[in-house]
Protein backbone atom coordinates (compact mmCIF):
# COMPACT_ATOMS: atom_id res chain seq x y z
CA MET A 1 101.54 184.47 48.97
CA ALA A 2 104.18 184.25 46.27
CA LYS A 3 104.13 182.16 43.11
CA THR A 4 107.17 181.10 41.09
CA LYS A 5 106.87 179.15 37.84
CA LEU A 6 109.83 177.03 36.85
CA ARG A 7 109.47 174.39 34.12
CA SER A 8 105.74 173.89 34.77
CA ILE A 9 106.25 173.34 38.50
CA VAL A 10 104.70 176.04 40.66
CA SER A 11 105.99 176.78 44.15
CA LEU A 12 103.55 178.41 46.59
CA THR A 13 104.91 180.18 49.65
CA GLY A 14 103.48 182.54 52.23
CA THR A 15 100.98 182.44 55.04
CA VAL A 16 97.19 182.00 55.13
CA THR A 17 94.66 181.89 57.97
CA GLY A 18 93.17 178.46 57.32
CA TRP A 19 93.61 175.08 55.68
CA ALA A 20 90.81 175.74 53.20
CA LYS A 21 92.68 178.78 51.87
CA ARG A 22 95.87 176.75 51.55
CA LEU A 23 94.08 174.06 49.56
CA ALA A 24 92.23 176.67 47.46
CA ALA A 25 95.56 178.24 46.45
CA GLN A 26 96.93 174.82 45.51
CA ASP A 27 93.82 173.96 43.48
CA ALA A 28 93.97 177.33 41.69
CA ALA A 29 97.62 176.77 40.79
CA HIS A 30 96.81 173.30 39.42
CA ARG A 31 94.18 174.84 37.12
CA VAL A 32 96.73 177.09 35.39
CA VAL A 33 97.43 175.85 31.88
CA GLY A 34 100.88 174.30 31.60
CA VAL A 35 101.35 173.61 35.31
CA PHE A 36 102.60 170.07 35.84
CA ASP A 37 102.77 170.05 39.63
CA VAL A 38 102.51 172.32 42.66
CA ALA A 39 104.89 172.49 45.62
CA ASN A 40 102.68 173.89 48.37
CA ASP A 41 104.89 175.43 51.06
CA VAL A 42 102.16 177.77 52.32
CA GLN A 43 102.08 177.99 56.12
CA VAL A 44 98.77 178.06 58.01
CA LYS A 45 98.60 180.45 60.95
CA LEU A 46 95.27 180.12 62.70
CA PRO A 47 93.74 183.34 64.04
CA GLY A 48 94.09 183.81 67.77
CA GLY A 49 97.40 182.00 67.93
CA SER A 50 95.88 178.67 68.94
CA VAL A 51 99.10 176.68 69.20
CA ARG A 52 99.14 173.43 71.14
CA THR A 53 102.16 171.57 72.42
CA ASP A 54 102.85 167.95 71.52
CA THR A 55 101.78 166.99 75.04
CA GLU A 56 98.42 168.76 74.66
CA ILE A 57 97.85 167.07 71.31
CA ALA A 58 98.74 163.65 72.78
CA GLN A 59 96.31 164.22 75.67
CA ALA A 60 93.54 165.22 73.25
CA VAL A 61 94.16 162.08 71.17
CA ARG A 62 94.05 159.89 74.28
CA ARG A 63 90.73 161.47 75.39
CA ALA A 64 89.26 160.94 71.93
CA LEU A 65 90.33 157.29 71.87
CA GLU A 66 88.94 156.70 75.36
CA TRP A 67 85.65 158.32 74.33
CA MET A 68 85.47 156.12 71.22
CA ARG A 69 86.10 152.99 73.31
CA TRP A 70 83.39 154.05 75.78
CA TRP A 71 80.93 154.79 72.96
CA ARG A 72 81.54 151.40 71.30
CA THR A 73 80.92 149.66 74.64
CA ILE A 74 77.60 151.49 75.05
CA ALA A 75 76.55 150.84 71.45
CA SER A 76 77.50 147.17 71.73
CA SER A 77 75.50 146.69 74.94
CA ARG A 78 72.45 148.32 73.35
CA ARG A 79 72.66 145.98 70.34
CA CYS A 80 72.82 142.97 72.66
CA ARG A 81 69.71 144.12 74.55
CA MET A 82 67.82 144.74 71.31
CA ALA A 83 68.75 141.35 69.87
CA GLY A 84 67.84 139.42 73.03
């Protein structure tokens, strides 16, 4: 990761292996005295190369939404039985 300070604005670049590390770098840069803002251009590369296509992501979102709809139906029917 590289850091460049220019007029109290810090630019972070490089690659890390997780979102927590990216945010930790940003938080650390914000704690430096005199830093006004941070431009976080750090890329996250997950171990194992787990890259999904837009189609795979869209399918996962659809499954999650269908599951949520199913769960709300079940929860709603249980509330009706308990109330009645």
